[in-house]
Amino acid sequence: MATDIVIPESVLKKLNALPKEVRIKFWAQLEKLLRNPSHPSLRNKKLAGTEHWAFSVTMSYRATYVRSSASILITAIGTHKDVLGN
């Protein structure tokens, strides 16, 4: 699994605007993603027709990312509807 984490400034701003509990949970879930992408609490899935993946931060919040052999690029974080559109 990739080891470098890249979070663009625009995504960091959105993350920092979220409630404290969600921010804390994001970092915990990201650590799980690095150790075991199949961890059940992540509900990690590839988004159809794209190179993007999504994992669950909480039941209401998700994060999307693109992965390569060397890195994970976080592309969005927000509510399920804001991030995935449904």
Protein backbone atom coordinates (compact mmCIF):
# COMPACT_ATOMS: atom_id res chain seq x y z
CA MET A 1 0.00 0.00 0.00
CA ALA A 2 1.08 3.57 -0.59
CA THR A 3 2.98 5.43 2.09
CA ASP A 4 2.97 9.11 1.07
CA ILE A 5 -0.18 11.08 1.89
CA VAL A 6 -0.92 14.18 -0.18
CA ILE A 7 -3.71 16.51 0.91
CA PRO A 8 -4.11 19.66 -1.21
CA GLU A 9 -4.65 22.96 0.57
CA SER A 10 -8.25 23.18 -0.69
CA VAL A 11 -9.08 19.81 0.90
CA LEU A 12 -7.30 20.77 4.14
CA LYS A 13 -9.44 23.90 4.35
CA LYS A 14 -12.61 21.82 4.01
CA LEU A 15 -11.33 19.33 6.57
CA ASN A 16 -10.50 22.08 9.06
CA ALA A 17 -14.00 23.55 8.66
CA LEU A 18 -15.62 20.27 9.75
CA PRO A 19 -16.60 19.51 13.35
CA LYS A 20 -13.74 18.46 15.62
CA GLU A 21 -15.09 14.91 16.02
CA VAL A 22 -15.12 14.43 12.24
CA ARG A 23 -11.55 15.75 11.90
CA ILE A 24 -10.31 13.36 14.58
CA LYS A 25 -12.14 10.45 12.98
CA PHE A 26 -10.71 11.35 9.54
CA TRP A 27 -7.13 10.96 10.78
CA ALA A 28 -7.99 7.68 12.51
CA GLN A 29 -9.66 6.32 9.37
CA LEU A 30 -6.73 7.46 7.21
CA GLU A 31 -4.39 5.50 9.47
CA LYS A 32 -6.61 2.43 9.04
CA LEU A 33 -6.54 2.92 5.27
CA LEU A 34 -2.75 2.86 5.32
CA ARG A 35 -2.59 -0.28 7.46
CA ASN A 36 -5.52 -2.23 5.99
CA PRO A 37 -7.55 -0.82 3.07
CA SER A 38 -10.05 -3.65 3.57
CA HIS A 39 -10.87 -2.70 7.17
CA PRO A 40 -14.68 -3.02 7.50
CA SER A 41 -15.18 0.40 9.13
CA LEU A 42 -13.73 2.13 6.05
CA ARG A 43 -16.40 0.82 3.68
CA ASN A 44 -13.70 1.47 1.07
CA LYS A 45 -14.86 1.22 -2.54
CA LYS A 46 -13.74 2.17 -6.02
CA LEU A 47 -16.02 4.69 -7.68
CA ALA A 48 -17.39 3.29 -10.93
CA GLY A 49 -15.91 4.70 -14.11
CA THR A 50 -13.13 6.64 -12.35
CA GLU A 51 -9.72 6.17 -10.78
CA HIS A 52 -11.12 7.47 -7.48
CA TRP A 53 -11.82 5.52 -4.33
CA ALA A 54 -13.98 6.55 -1.35
CA PHE A 55 -13.82 5.64 2.32
CA SER A 56 -16.14 6.35 5.19
CA VAL A 57 -15.05 8.84 7.83
CA THR A 58 -18.33 8.61 9.76
CA MET A 59 -21.77 7.46 8.70
CA SER A 60 -22.40 10.97 7.32
CA TYR A 61 -18.95 11.92 5.99
CA ARG A 62 -16.79 10.38 3.26
CA ALA A 63 -13.42 11.11 1.75
CA THR A 64 -12.27 10.35 -1.79
CA TYR A 65 -8.78 9.64 -2.98
CA VAL A 66 -6.63 8.45 -5.84
CA ARG A 67 -3.93 5.92 -5.07
CA SER A 68 -0.73 4.88 -6.75
CA SER A 69 2.04 2.55 -5.70
CA ALA A 70 3.80 5.46 -4.00
CA SER A 71 1.07 7.75 -2.65
CA ILE A 72 -2.50 8.48 -1.70
CA LEU A 73 -3.93 11.80 -2.89
CA ILE A 74 -6.99 12.89 -0.90
CA THR A 75 -9.27 14.60 -3.41
CA ALA A 76 -12.35 15.52 -1.34
CA ILE A 77 -13.93 15.32 2.08
CA GLY A 78 -17.44 16.17 3.13
CA THR A 79 -20.92 14.77 3.54
CA HIS A 80 -21.84 11.75 1.48
CA LYS A 81 -24.05 13.95 -0.72
CA ASP A 82 -21.39 16.66 -1.19
CA VAL A 83 -18.63 14.22 -2.06
CA LEU A 84 -20.45 11.49 -3.96
CA GLY A 85 -23.53 13.38 -5.10
CA ASN A 86 -26.02 10.86 -3.75
